[in-house]
Amino acid sequence: NCYAKVITVESQKKIVIYSKQHINVNEEITYDYKFPIEDVKI
């Protein structure tokens, strides 16, 4: 229901979590880690 975005604030890069959709009270915040493909799977 969220995604991560890199933004630049005063020449410094920051990672901020944005909401993709409406999130209800007590709903868990999640985003896609987008890990690189590897042989050893998690």
PDB file of all heavy atoms in Angstrom:
ATOM      1  N   ASN A   1       0.827  -1.210   0.000  1.00  0.00           N
ATOM      2  CA  ASN A   1       0.000   0.000   0.000  1.00  0.00           C
ATOM      3  C   ASN A   1       0.859   1.258   0.000  1.00  0.00           C
ATOM      4  O   ASN A   1       0.333   2.368   0.015  1.00  0.00           O
ATOM      5  CB  ASN A   1      -0.952   0.006   1.206  1.00  0.00           C
ATOM      6  CG  ASN A   1      -0.228  -0.218   2.525  1.00  0.00           C
ATOM      7  OD1 ASN A   1       0.972  -0.003   2.631  1.00  0.00           O
ATOM      8  ND2 ASN A   1      -0.973  -0.652   3.534  1.00  0.00           N
ATOM      9  N   CYS A   2       2.192   1.093  -0.009  1.00  0.00           N
ATOM     10  CA  CYS A   2       3.109   2.228  -0.053  1.00  0.00           C
ATOM     11  C   CYS A   2       4.259   1.924  -1.008  1.00  0.00           C
ATOM     12  O   CYS A   2       4.424   0.786  -1.474  1.00  0.00           O
ATOM     13  CB  CYS A   2       3.680   2.535   1.344  1.00  0.00           C
ATOM     14  SG  CYS A   2       2.475   3.146   2.535  1.00  0.00           S
ATOM     15  N   TYR A   3       5.042   2.949  -1.279  1.00  0.00           N
ATOM     16  CA  TYR A   3       6.244   2.772  -2.092  1.00  0.00           C
ATOM     17  C   TYR A   3       7.320   3.721  -1.576  1.00  0.00           C
ATOM     18  O   TYR A   3       7.034   4.735  -0.933  1.00  0.00           O
ATOM     19  CB  TYR A   3       5.955   3.035  -3.573  1.00  0.00           C
ATOM     20  CG  TYR A   3       5.551   4.447  -3.904  1.00  0.00           C
ATOM     21  CD1 TYR A   3       6.492   5.387  -4.339  1.00  0.00           C
ATOM     22  CD2 TYR A   3       4.222   4.859  -3.795  1.00  0.00           C
ATOM     23  CE1 TYR A   3       6.119   6.689  -4.644  1.00  0.00           C
ATOM     24  CE2 TYR A   3       3.844   6.155  -4.091  1.00  0.00           C
ATOM     25  CZ  TYR A   3       4.800   7.055  -4.522  1.00  0.00           C
ATOM     26  OH  TYR A   3       4.431   8.355  -4.823  1.00  0.00           O
ATOM     27  N   ALA A   4       8.565   3.370  -1.851  1.00  0.00           N
ATOM     28  CA  ALA A   4       9.699   4.181  -1.403  1.00  0.00           C
ATOM     29  C   ALA A   4      10.183   5.058  -2.549  1.00  0.00           C
ATOM     30  O   ALA A   4      10.186   4.639  -3.713  1.00  0.00           O
ATOM     31  CB  ALA A   4      10.834   3.286  -0.920  1.00  0.00           C
ATOM     32  N   LYS A   5      10.572   6.266  -2.215  1.00  0.00           N
ATOM     33  CA  LYS A   5      11.046   7.212  -3.221  1.00  0.00           C
ATOM     34  C   LYS A   5      12.250   7.969  -2.681  1.00  0.00           C
ATOM     35  O   LYS A   5      12.267   8.370  -1.519  1.00  0.00           O
ATOM     36  CB  LYS A   5       9.921   8.204  -3.580  1.00  0.00           C
ATOM     37  CG  LYS A   5      10.313   9.210  -4.659  1.00  0.00           C
ATOM     38  CD  LYS A   5       9.146  10.141  -4.973  1.00  0.00           C
ATOM     39  CE  LYS A   5       9.509  11.171  -6.024  1.00  0.00           C
ATOM     40  NZ  LYS A   5       8.383  12.095  -6.311  1.00  0.00           N
ATOM     41  N   VAL A   6      13.253   8.157  -3.517  1.00  0.00           N
ATOM     42  CA  VAL A   6      14.431   8.933  -3.150  1.00  0.00           C
ATOM     43  C   VAL A   6      14.202  10.375  -3.582  1.00  0.00           C
ATOM     44  O   VAL A   6      13.943  10.645  -4.757  1.00  0.00           O
ATOM     45  CB  VAL A   6      15.706   8.371  -3.822  1.00  0.00           C
ATOM     46  CG1 VAL A   6      16.916   9.224  -3.444  1.00  0.00           C
ATOM     47  CG2 VAL A   6      15.929   6.928  -3.404  1.00  0.00           C
ATOM     48  N   ILE A   7      14.270  11.303  -2.642  1.00  0.00           N
ATOM     49  CA  ILE A   7      14.117  12.719  -2.950  1.00  0.00           C
ATOM     50  C   ILE A   7      15.370  13.455  -2.499  1.00  0.00           C
ATOM     51  O   ILE A   7      16.111  12.975  -1.634  1.00  0.00           O
ATOM     52  CB  ILE A   7      12.871  13.326  -2.268  1.00  0.00           C
ATOM     53  CG1 ILE A   7      13.023  13.330  -0.746  1.00  0.00           C
ATOM     54  CG2 ILE A   7      11.614  12.587  -2.680  1.00  0.00           C
ATOM     55  CD1 ILE A   7      11.886  14.023  -0.026  1.00  0.00           C
ATOM     56  N   THR A   8      15.611  14.605  -3.087  1.00  0.00           N
ATOM     57  CA  THR A   8      16.779  15.415  -2.744  1.00  0.00           C
ATOM     58  C   THR A   8      16.314  16.675  -2.037  1.00  0.00           C
ATOM     59  O   THR A   8      15.524  17.449  -2.572  1.00  0.00           O
ATOM     60  CB  THR A   8      17.583  15.788  -4.004  1.00  0.00           C
ATOM     61  OG1 THR A   8      17.987  14.587  -4.669  1.00  0.00           O
ATOM     62  CG2 THR A   8      18.828  16.584  -3.624  1.00  0.00           C
ATOM     63  N   VAL A   9      16.796  16.859  -0.822  1.00  0.00           N
ATOM     64  CA  VAL A   9      16.460  18.026  -0.006  1.00  0.00           C
ATOM     65  C   VAL A   9      17.753  18.703   0.408  1.00  0.00           C
ATOM     66  O   VAL A   9      18.562  18.113   1.115  1.00  0.00           O
ATOM     67  CB  VAL A   9      15.649  17.628   1.241  1.00  0.00           C
ATOM     68  CG1 VAL A   9      15.343  18.861   2.082  1.00  0.00           C
ATOM     69  CG2 VAL A   9      14.378  16.914   0.845  1.00  0.00           C
ATOM     70  N   GLU A  10      17.953  19.925  -0.093  1.00  0.00           N
ATOM     71  CA  GLU A  10      19.162  20.693   0.209  1.00  0.00           C
ATOM     72  C   GLU A  10      20.417  19.879  -0.108  1.00  0.00           C
ATOM     73  O   GLU A  10      21.311  19.715   0.722  1.00  0.00           O
ATOM     74  CB  GLU A  10      19.156  21.130   1.675  1.00  0.00           C
ATOM     75  CG  GLU A  10      18.016  22.090   2.015  1.00  0.00           C
ATOM     76  CD  GLU A  10      17.996  22.489   3.476  1.00  0.00           C
ATOM     77  OE1 GLU A  10      18.776  21.887   4.254  1.00  0.00           O
ATOM     78  OE2 GLU A  10      17.230  23.388   3.839  1.00  0.00           O
ATOM     79  N   SER A  11      20.449  19.322  -1.303  1.00  0.00           N
ATOM     80  CA  SER A  11      21.589  18.559  -1.843  1.00  0.00           C
ATOM     81  C   SER A  11      21.834  17.253  -1.103  1.00  0.00           C
ATOM     82  O   SER A  11      22.899  16.638  -1.279  1.00  0.00           O
ATOM     83  CB  SER A  11      22.864  19.408  -1.822  1.00  0.00           C
ATOM     84  OG  SER A  11      22.692  20.595  -2.566  1.00  0.00           O
ATOM     85  N   GLN A  12      20.899  16.809  -0.294  1.00  0.00           N
ATOM     86  CA  GLN A  12      21.052  15.549   0.421  1.00  0.00           C
ATOM     87  C   GLN A  12      19.925  14.608   0.039  1.00  0.00           C
ATOM     88  O   GLN A  12      18.752  14.976   0.072  1.00  0.00           O
ATOM     89  CB  GLN A  12      21.046  15.775   1.932  1.00  0.00           C
ATOM     90  CG  GLN A  12      21.276  14.499   2.733  1.00  0.00           C
ATOM     91  CD  GLN A  12      21.305  14.742   4.227  1.00  0.00           C
ATOM     92  OE1 GLN A  12      21.139  15.878   4.685  1.00  0.00           O
ATOM     93  NE2 GLN A  12      21.519  13.696   5.011  1.00  0.00           N
ATOM     94  N   LYS A  13      20.290  13.377  -0.330  1.00  0.00           N
ATOM     95  CA  LYS A  13      19.300  12.394  -0.739  1.00  0.00           C
ATOM     96  C   LYS A  13      18.662  11.742   0.484  1.00  0.00           C
ATOM     97  O   LYS A  13      19.343  11.372   1.435  1.00  0.00           O
ATOM     98  CB  LYS A  13      19.948  11.318  -1.618  1.00  0.00           C
ATOM     99  CG  LYS A  13      20.373  11.831  -2.992  1.00  0.00           C
ATOM    100  CD  LYS A  13      20.918  10.716  -3.848  1.00  0.00           C
ATOM    101  CE  LYS A  13      21.291  11.228  -5.242  1.00  0.00           C
ATOM    102  NZ  LYS A  13      21.838  10.149  -6.095  1.00  0.00           N
ATOM    103  N   LYS A  14      17.323  11.638   0.438  1.00  0.00           N
ATOM    104  CA  LYS A  14      16.570  11.033   1.524  1.00  0.00           C
ATOM    105  C   LYS A  14      15.597  10.011   0.957  1.00  0.00           C
ATOM    106  O   LYS A  14      15.142  10.147  -0.179  1.00  0.00           O
ATOM    107  CB  LYS A  14      15.799  12.103   2.315  1.00  0.00           C
ATOM    108  CG  LYS A  14      16.688  13.122   3.018  1.00  0.00           C
ATOM    109  CD  LYS A  14      15.845  14.170   3.735  1.00  0.00           C
ATOM    110  CE  LYS A  14      16.715  15.159   4.485  1.00  0.00           C
ATOM    111  NZ  LYS A  14      17.387  14.511   5.651  1.00  0.00           N
ATOM    112  N   ILE A  15      15.290   9.008   1.754  1.00  0.00           N
ATOM    113  CA  ILE A  15      14.310   7.995   1.372  1.00  0.00           C
ATOM    114  C   ILE A  15      13.031   8.243   2.162  1.00  0.00           C
ATOM    115  O   ILE A  15      13.049   8.295   3.386  1.00  0.00           O
ATOM    116  CB  ILE A  15      14.827   6.576   1.648  1.00  0.00           C
ATOM    117  CG1 ILE A  15      16.067   6.287   0.790  1.00  0.00           C
ATOM    118  CG2 ILE A  15      13.741   5.544   1.368  1.00  0.00           C
ATOM    119  CD1 ILE A  15      16.703   4.955   1.077  1.00  0.00           C
ATOM    120  N   VAL A  16      11.945   8.408   1.438  1.00  0.00           N
ATOM    121  CA  VAL A  16      10.657   8.687   2.068  1.00  0.00           C
ATOM    122  C   VAL A  16       9.639   7.664   1.581  1.00  0.00           C
ATOM    123  O   VAL A  16       9.635   7.282   0.405  1.00  0.00           O
ATOM    124  CB  VAL A  16      10.171  10.117   1.753  1.00  0.00           C
ATOM    125  CG1 VAL A  16       8.866  10.403   2.453  1.00  0.00           C
ATOM    126  CG2 VAL A  16      11.215  11.137   2.174  1.00  0.00           C
ATOM    127  N   ILE A  17       8.797   7.213   2.490  1.00  0.00           N
ATOM    128  CA  ILE A  17       7.751   6.247   2.159  1.00  0.00           C
ATOM    129  C   ILE A  17       6.462   7.003   1.848  1.00  0.00           C
ATOM    130  O   ILE A  17       5.984   7.789   2.662  1.00  0.00           O
ATOM    131  CB  ILE A  17       7.522   5.267   3.322  1.00  0.00           C
ATOM    132  CG1 ILE A  17       8.851   4.647   3.783  1.00  0.00           C
ATOM    133  CG2 ILE A  17       6.542   4.183   2.917  1.00  0.00           C
ATOM    134  CD1 ILE A  17       9.599   3.907   2.701  1.00  0.00           C
ATOM    135  N   TYR A  18       5.917   6.779   0.645  1.00  0.00           N
ATOM    136  CA  TYR A  18       4.674   7.402   0.196  1.00  0.00           C
ATOM    137  C   TYR A  18       3.550   6.366   0.205  1.00  0.00           C
ATOM    138  O   TYR A  18       3.791   5.166  -0.020  1.00  0.00           O
ATOM    139  CB  TYR A  18       4.797   7.931  -1.233  1.00  0.00           C
ATOM    140  CG  TYR A  18       5.562   9.219  -1.399  1.00  0.00           C
ATOM    141  CD1 TYR A  18       6.951   9.224  -1.421  1.00  0.00           C
ATOM    142  CD2 TYR A  18       4.901  10.422  -1.578  1.00  0.00           C
ATOM    143  CE1 TYR A  18       7.664  10.411  -1.605  1.00  0.00           C
ATOM    144  CE2 TYR A  18       5.592  11.596  -1.758  1.00  0.00           C
ATOM    145  CZ  TYR A  18       6.972  11.591  -1.776  1.00  0.00           C
ATOM    146  OH  TYR A  18       7.667  12.752  -1.946  1.00  0.00           O
ATOM    147  N   SER A  19       2.328   6.816   0.397  1.00  0.00           N
ATOM    148  CA  SER A  19       1.172   5.924   0.314  1.00  0.00           C
ATOM    149  C   SER A  19       0.721   5.801  -1.142  1.00  0.00           C
ATOM    150  O   SER A  19       0.605   6.799  -1.851  1.00  0.00           O
ATOM    151  CB  SER A  19       0.018   6.459   1.172  1.00  0.00           C
ATOM    152  OG  SER A  19      -0.312   7.789   0.800  1.00  0.00           O
ATOM    153  N   LYS A  20       0.451   4.572  -1.581  1.00  0.00           N
ATOM    154  CA  LYS A  20      -0.055   4.338  -2.931  1.00  0.00           C
ATOM    155  C   LYS A  20      -1.565   4.482  -2.994  1.00  0.00           C
ATOM    156  O   LYS A  20      -2.119   4.799  -4.044  1.00  0.00           O
ATOM    157  CB  LYS A  20       0.316   2.918  -3.393  1.00  0.00           C
ATOM    158  CG  LYS A  20       1.788   2.703  -3.673  1.00  0.00           C
ATOM    159  CD  LYS A  20       2.035   1.270  -4.125  1.00  0.00           C
ATOM    160  CE  LYS A  20       1.296   0.947  -5.400  1.00  0.00           C
ATOM    161  NZ  LYS A  20       1.584  -0.449  -5.864  1.00  0.00           N
ATOM    162  N   GLN A  21      -2.222   4.242  -1.881  1.00  0.00           N
ATOM    163  CA  GLN A  21      -3.679   4.208  -1.826  1.00  0.00           C
ATOM    164  C   GLN A  21      -4.119   4.641  -0.434  1.00  0.00           C
ATOM    165  O   GLN A  21      -3.281   4.921   0.429  1.00  0.00           O
ATOM    166  CB  GLN A  21      -4.172   2.782  -2.112  1.00  0.00           C
ATOM    167  CG  GLN A  21      -3.646   1.781  -1.080  1.00  0.00           C
ATOM    168  CD  GLN A  21      -3.606   0.365  -1.590  1.00  0.00           C
ATOM    169  OE1 GLN A  21      -3.265   0.134  -2.754  1.00  0.00           O
ATOM    170  NE2 GLN A  21      -3.953  -0.591  -0.742  1.00  0.00           N
ATOM    171  N   HIS A  22      -5.423   4.705  -0.239  1.00  0.00           N
ATOM    172  CA  HIS A  22      -5.938   5.044   1.086  1.00  0.00           C
ATOM    173  C   HIS A  22      -5.599   3.924   2.070  1.00  0.00           C
ATOM    174  O   HIS A  22      -5.751   2.741   1.763  1.00  0.00           O
ATOM    175  CB  HIS A  22      -7.447   5.256   1.039  1.00  0.00           C
ATOM    176  CG  HIS A  22      -8.049   5.539   2.387  1.00  0.00           C
ATOM    177  ND1 HIS A  22      -8.016   6.801   2.959  1.00  0.00           N
ATOM    178  CD2 HIS A  22      -8.672   4.716   3.270  1.00  0.00           C
ATOM    179  CE1 HIS A  22      -8.607   6.744   4.149  1.00  0.00           C
ATOM    180  NE2 HIS A  22      -9.004   5.506   4.359  1.00  0.00           N
ATOM    181  N   ILE A  23      -5.138   4.302   3.257  1.00  0.00           N
ATOM    182  CA  ILE A  23      -4.757   3.342   4.289  1.00  0.00           C
ATOM    183  C   ILE A  23      -5.653   3.567   5.506  1.00  0.00           C
ATOM    184  O   ILE A  23      -5.767   4.696   5.999  1.00  0.00           O
ATOM    185  CB  ILE A  23      -3.275   3.492   4.670  1.00  0.00           C
ATOM    186  CG1 ILE A  23      -2.387   3.258   3.434  1.00  0.00           C
ATOM    187  CG2 ILE A  23      -2.895   2.524   5.786  1.00  0.00           C
ATOM    188  CD1 ILE A  23      -0.923   3.501   3.676  1.00  0.00           C
ATOM    189  N   ASN A  24      -6.279   2.516   5.972  1.00  0.00           N
ATOM    190  CA  ASN A  24      -7.189   2.606   7.101  1.00  0.00           C
ATOM    191  C   ASN A  24      -6.441   2.529   8.428  1.00  0.00           C
ATOM    192  O   ASN A  24      -5.274   2.125   8.486  1.00  0.00           O
ATOM    193  CB  ASN A  24      -8.228   1.479   7.042  1.00  0.00           C
ATOM    194  CG  ASN A  24      -9.113   1.587   5.821  1.00  0.00           C
ATOM    195  OD1 ASN A  24      -9.568   2.679   5.470  1.00  0.00           O
ATOM    196  ND2 ASN A  24      -9.366   0.465   5.160  1.00  0.00           N
ATOM    197  N   VAL A  25      -7.135   2.883   9.501  1.00  0.00           N
ATOM    198  CA  VAL A  25      -6.576   2.778  10.845  1.00  0.00           C
ATOM    199  C   VAL A  25      -6.290   1.308  11.157  1.00  0.00           C
ATOM    200  O   VAL A  25      -7.086   0.420  10.813  1.00  0.00           O
ATOM    201  CB  VAL A  25      -7.545   3.371  11.891  1.00  0.00           C
ATOM    202  CG1 VAL A  25      -6.989   3.212  13.295  1.00  0.00           C
ATOM    203  CG2 VAL A  25      -7.804   4.840  11.589  1.00  0.00           C
ATOM    204  N   ASN A  26      -5.147   1.031  11.765  1.00  0.00           N
ATOM    205  CA  ASN A  26      -4.689  -0.314  12.147  1.00  0.00           C
ATOM    206  C   ASN A  26      -4.277  -1.161  10.952  1.00  0.00           C
ATOM    207  O   ASN A  26      -3.997  -2.362  11.121  1.00  0.00           O
ATOM    208  CB  ASN A  26      -5.758  -1.064  12.965  1.00  0.00           C
ATOM    209  CG  ASN A  26      -5.998  -0.435  14.323  1.00  0.00           C
ATOM    210  OD1 ASN A  26      -5.068   0.094  14.942  1.00  0.00           O
ATOM    211  ND2 ASN A  26      -7.237  -0.467  14.789  1.00  0.00           N
ATOM    212  N   GLU A  27      -4.226  -0.582   9.768  1.00  0.00           N
ATOM    213  CA  GLU A  27      -3.739  -1.315   8.598  1.00  0.00           C
ATOM    214  C   GLU A  27      -2.212  -1.259   8.575  1.00  0.00           C
ATOM    215  O   GLU A  27      -1.607  -0.230   8.869  1.00  0.00           O
ATOM    216  CB  GLU A  27      -4.304  -0.711   7.317  1.00  0.00           C
ATOM    217  CG  GLU A  27      -3.922  -1.478   6.053  1.00  0.00           C
ATOM    218  CD  GLU A  27      -4.566  -0.898   4.806  1.00  0.00           C
ATOM    219  OE1 GLU A  27      -5.466  -0.044   4.952  1.00  0.00           O
ATOM    220  OE2 GLU A  27      -4.160  -1.291   3.688  1.00  0.00           O
ATOM    221  N   GLU A  28      -1.591  -2.378   8.216  1.00  0.00           N
ATOM    222  CA  GLU A  28      -0.129  -2.433   8.218  1.00  0.00           C
ATOM    223  C   GLU A  28       0.450  -1.706   7.010  1.00  0.00           C
ATOM    224  O   GLU A  28      -0.065  -1.808   5.892  1.00  0.00           O
ATOM    225  CB  GLU A  28       0.365  -3.882   8.228  1.00  0.00           C
ATOM    226  CG  GLU A  28       1.879  -3.993   8.300  1.00  0.00           C
ATOM    227  CD  GLU A  28       2.384  -5.398   8.560  1.00  0.00           C
ATOM    228  OE1 GLU A  28       1.535  -6.323   8.658  1.00  0.00           O
ATOM    229  OE2 GLU A  28       3.617  -5.567   8.655  1.00  0.00           O
ATOM    230  N   ILE A  29       1.516  -0.947   7.253  1.00  0.00           N
ATOM    231  CA  ILE A  29       2.229  -0.237   6.199  1.00  0.00           C
ATOM    232  C   ILE A  29       3.208  -1.198   5.534  1.00  0.00           C
ATOM    233  O   ILE A  29       4.004  -1.853   6.215  1.00  0.00           O
ATOM    234  CB  ILE A  29       3.010   0.972   6.765  1.00  0.00           C
ATOM    235  CG1 ILE A  29       2.086   1.875   7.587  1.00  0.00           C
ATOM    236  CG2 ILE A  29       3.682   1.742   5.646  1.00  0.00           C
ATOM    237  CD1 ILE A  29       0.989   2.523   6.803  1.00  0.00           C
ATOM    238  N   THR A  30       3.154  -1.308   4.209  1.00  0.00           N
ATOM    239  CA  THR A  30       4.045  -2.213   3.483  1.00  0.00           C
ATOM    240  C   THR A  30       4.546  -1.552   2.207  1.00  0.00           C
ATOM    241  O   THR A  30       3.910  -0.634   1.674  1.00  0.00           O
ATOM    242  CB  THR A  30       3.323  -3.528   3.102  1.00  0.00           C
ATOM    243  OG1 THR A  30       2.180  -3.212   2.280  1.00  0.00           O
ATOM    244  CG2 THR A  30       2.873  -4.286   4.329  1.00  0.00           C
ATOM    245  N   TYR A  31       5.688  -2.016   1.728  1.00  0.00           N
ATOM    246  CA  TYR A  31       6.170  -1.622   0.409  1.00  0.00           C
ATOM    247  C   TYR A  31       6.998  -2.756  -0.176  1.00  0.00           C
ATOM    248  O   TYR A  31       7.381  -3.694   0.537  1.00  0.00           O
ATOM    249  CB  TYR A  31       6.982  -0.315   0.457  1.00  0.00           C
ATOM    250  CG  TYR A  31       8.285  -0.382   1.215  1.00  0.00           C
ATOM    251  CD1 TYR A  31       9.470  -0.783   0.594  1.00  0.00           C
ATOM    252  CD2 TYR A  31       8.359   0.001   2.549  1.00  0.00           C
ATOM    253  CE1 TYR A  31      10.672  -0.826   1.281  1.00  0.00           C
ATOM    254  CE2 TYR A  31       9.549  -0.038   3.257  1.00  0.00           C
ATOM    255  CZ  TYR A  31      10.708  -0.452   2.616  1.00  0.00           C
ATOM    256  OH  TYR A  31      11.893  -0.500   3.303  1.00  0.00           O
ATOM    257  N   ASP A  32       7.274  -2.684  -1.452  1.00  0.00           N
ATOM    258  CA  ASP A  32       8.034  -3.723  -2.149  1.00  0.00           C
ATOM    259  C   ASP A  32       9.522  -3.451  -1.965  1.00  0.00           C
ATOM    260  O   ASP A  32      10.019  -2.402  -2.357  1.00  0.00           O
ATOM    261  CB  ASP A  32       7.669  -3.712  -3.642  1.00  0.00           C
ATOM    262  CG  ASP A  32       8.215  -4.925  -4.388  1.00  0.00           C
ATOM    263  OD1 ASP A  32       9.179  -5.545  -3.892  1.00  0.00           O
ATOM    264  OD2 ASP A  32       7.684  -5.240  -5.468  1.00  0.00           O
ATOM    265  N   TYR A  33      10.234  -4.414  -1.349  1.00  0.00           N
ATOM    266  CA  TYR A  33      11.665  -4.234  -1.103  1.00  0.00           C
ATOM    267  C   TYR A  33      12.474  -4.172  -2.402  1.00  0.00           C
ATOM    268  O   TYR A  33      13.534  -3.555  -2.440  1.00  0.00           O
ATOM    269  CB  TYR A  33      12.198  -5.385  -0.254  1.00  0.00           C
ATOM    270  CG  TYR A  33      11.816  -5.319   1.215  1.00  0.00           C
ATOM    271  CD1 TYR A  33      10.993  -4.303   1.711  1.00  0.00           C
ATOM    272  CD2 TYR A  33      12.271  -6.273   2.108  1.00  0.00           C
ATOM    273  CE1 TYR A  33      10.648  -4.250   3.049  1.00  0.00           C
ATOM    274  CE2 TYR A  33      11.935  -6.232   3.451  1.00  0.00           C
ATOM    275  CZ  TYR A  33      11.131  -5.228   3.918  1.00  0.00           C
ATOM    276  OH  TYR A  33      10.800  -5.171   5.251  1.00  0.00           O
ATOM    277  N   LYS A  34      11.978  -4.849  -3.441  1.00  0.00           N
ATOM    278  CA  LYS A  34      12.660  -4.876  -4.746  1.00  0.00           C
ATOM    279  C   LYS A  34      14.115  -5.321  -4.618  1.00  0.00           C
ATOM    280  O   LYS A  34      15.044  -4.674  -5.117  1.00  0.00           O
ATOM    281  CB  LYS A  34      12.576  -3.503  -5.429  1.00  0.00           C
ATOM    282  CG  LYS A  34      11.155  -3.096  -5.786  1.00  0.00           C
ATOM    283  CD  LYS A  34      11.105  -1.780  -6.542  1.00  0.00           C
ATOM    284  CE  LYS A  34       9.683  -1.423  -6.921  1.00  0.00           C
ATOM    285  NZ  LYS A  34       9.589  -0.135  -7.662  1.00  0.00           N
ATOM    286  N   PHE A  35      14.303  -6.443  -3.914  1.00  0.00           N
ATOM    287  CA  PHE A  35      15.642  -7.002  -3.779  1.00  0.00           C
ATOM    288  C   PHE A  35      16.126  -7.510  -5.137  1.00  0.00           C
ATOM    289  O   PHE A  35      15.333  -7.986  -5.951  1.00  0.00           O
ATOM    290  CB  PHE A  35      15.628  -8.166  -2.784  1.00  0.00           C
ATOM    291  CG  PHE A  35      15.616  -7.741  -1.347  1.00  0.00           C
ATOM    292  CD1 PHE A  35      15.409  -8.679  -0.337  1.00  0.00           C
ATOM    293  CD2 PHE A  35      15.808  -6.418  -0.985  1.00  0.00           C
ATOM    294  CE1 PHE A  35      15.399  -8.299   0.990  1.00  0.00           C
ATOM    295  CE2 PHE A  35      15.796  -6.021   0.346  1.00  0.00           C
ATOM    296  CZ  PHE A  35      15.596  -6.968   1.336  1.00  0.00           C
ATOM    297  N   PRO A  36      17.424  -7.441  -5.413  1.00  0.00           N
ATOM    298  CA  PRO A  36      17.958  -7.987  -6.669  1.00  0.00           C
ATOM    299  C   PRO A  36      17.825  -9.508  -6.706  1.00  0.00           C
ATOM    300  O   PRO A  36      17.838 -10.172  -5.650  1.00  0.00           O
ATOM    301  CB  PRO A  36      19.431  -7.558  -6.642  1.00  0.00           C
ATOM    302  CG  PRO A  36      19.742  -7.343  -5.195  1.00  0.00           C
ATOM    303  CD  PRO A  36      18.480  -6.821  -4.582  1.00  0.00           C
ATOM    304  N   ILE A  37      17.691 -10.053  -7.904  1.00  0.00           N
ATOM    305  CA  ILE A  37      17.530 -11.500  -8.064  1.00  0.00           C
ATOM    306  C   ILE A  37      18.838 -12.205  -7.708  1.00  0.00           C
ATOM    307  O   ILE A  37      19.913 -11.853  -8.210  1.00  0.00           O
ATOM    308  CB  ILE A  37      17.122 -11.836  -9.512  1.00  0.00           C
ATOM    309  CG1 ILE A  37      15.768 -11.187  -9.823  1.00  0.00           C
ATOM    310  CG2 ILE A  37      17.043 -13.348  -9.713  1.00  0.00           C
ATOM    311  CD1 ILE A  37      15.319 -11.387 -11.261  1.00  0.00           C
ATOM    312  N   GLU A  38      18.741 -13.213  -6.829  1.00  0.00           N
ATOM    313  CA  GLU A  38      19.907 -13.985  -6.406  1.00  0.00           C
ATOM    314  C   GLU A  38      19.567 -15.465  -6.397  1.00  0.00           C
ATOM    315  O   GLU A  38      18.391 -15.851  -6.412  1.00  0.00           O
ATOM    316  CB  GLU A  38      20.363 -13.540  -5.005  1.00  0.00           C
ATOM    317  CG  GLU A  38      20.835 -12.090  -4.934  1.00  0.00           C
ATOM    318  CD  GLU A  38      21.255 -11.691  -3.531  1.00  0.00           C
ATOM    319  OE1 GLU A  38      21.100 -12.528  -2.615  1.00  0.00           O
ATOM    320  OE2 GLU A  38      21.724 -10.555  -3.348  1.00  0.00           O
ATOM    321  N   ASP A  39      20.619 -16.285  -6.368  1.00  0.00           N
ATOM    322  CA  ASP A  39      20.407 -17.739  -6.390  1.00  0.00           C
ATOM    323  C   ASP A  39      19.809 -18.225  -5.081  1.00  0.00           C
ATOM    324  O   ASP A  39      18.918 -19.082  -5.063  1.00  0.00           O
ATOM    325  CB  ASP A  39      21.737 -18.458  -6.662  1.00  0.00           C
ATOM    326  CG  ASP A  39      22.266 -18.174  -8.069  1.00  0.00           C
ATOM    327  OD1 ASP A  39      21.435 -17.873  -8.950  1.00  0.00           O
ATOM    328  OD2 ASP A  39      23.493 -18.243  -8.270  1.00  0.00           O
ATOM    329  N   VAL A  40      20.322 -17.678  -3.969  1.00  0.00           N
ATOM    330  CA  VAL A  40      19.787 -18.055  -2.657  1.00  0.00           C
ATOM    331  C   VAL A  40      18.528 -17.227  -2.401  1.00  0.00           C
ATOM    332  O   VAL A  40      18.590 -16.007  -2.233  1.00  0.00           O
ATOM    333  CB  VAL A  40      20.827 -17.813  -1.543  1.00  0.00           C
ATOM    334  CG1 VAL A  40      20.240 -18.222  -0.182  1.00  0.00           C
ATOM    335  CG2 VAL A  40      22.107 -18.598  -1.831  1.00  0.00           C
ATOM    336  N   LYS A  41      17.384 -17.896  -2.382  1.00  0.00           N
ATOM    337  CA  LYS A  41      16.109 -17.201  -2.285  1.00  0.00           C
ATOM    338  C   LYS A  41      15.700 -16.959  -0.818  1.00  0.00           C
ATOM    339  O   LYS A  41      15.961 -17.784   0.054  1.00  0.00           O
ATOM    340  CB  LYS A  41      15.013 -18.000  -2.995  1.00  0.00           C
ATOM    341  CG  LYS A  41      15.262 -18.200  -4.485  1.00  0.00           C
ATOM    342  CD  LYS A  41      15.308 -16.865  -5.228  1.00  0.00           C
ATOM    343  CE  LYS A  41      15.510 -17.070  -6.720  1.00  0.00           C
ATOM    344  NZ  LYS A  41      15.574 -15.783  -7.456  1.00  0.00           N
ATOM    345  N   ILE A  42      15.045 -15.811  -0.638  1.00  0.00           N
ATOM    346  CA  ILE A  42      14.487 -15.472   0.662  1.00  0.00           C
ATOM    347  C   ILE A  42      12.975 -15.608   0.547  1.00  0.00           C
ATOM    348  O   ILE A  42      12.347 -14.895  -0.242  1.00  0.00           O
ATOM    349  CB  ILE A  42      14.855 -14.029   1.074  1.00  0.00           C
ATOM    350  CG1 ILE A  42      16.365 -13.842   1.074  1.00  0.00           C
ATOM    351  CG2 ILE A  42      14.270 -13.707   2.441  1.00  0.00           C
ATOM    352  CD1 ILE A  42      16.800 -12.411   1.338  1.00  0.00           C
TER     353      ILE A  42
END
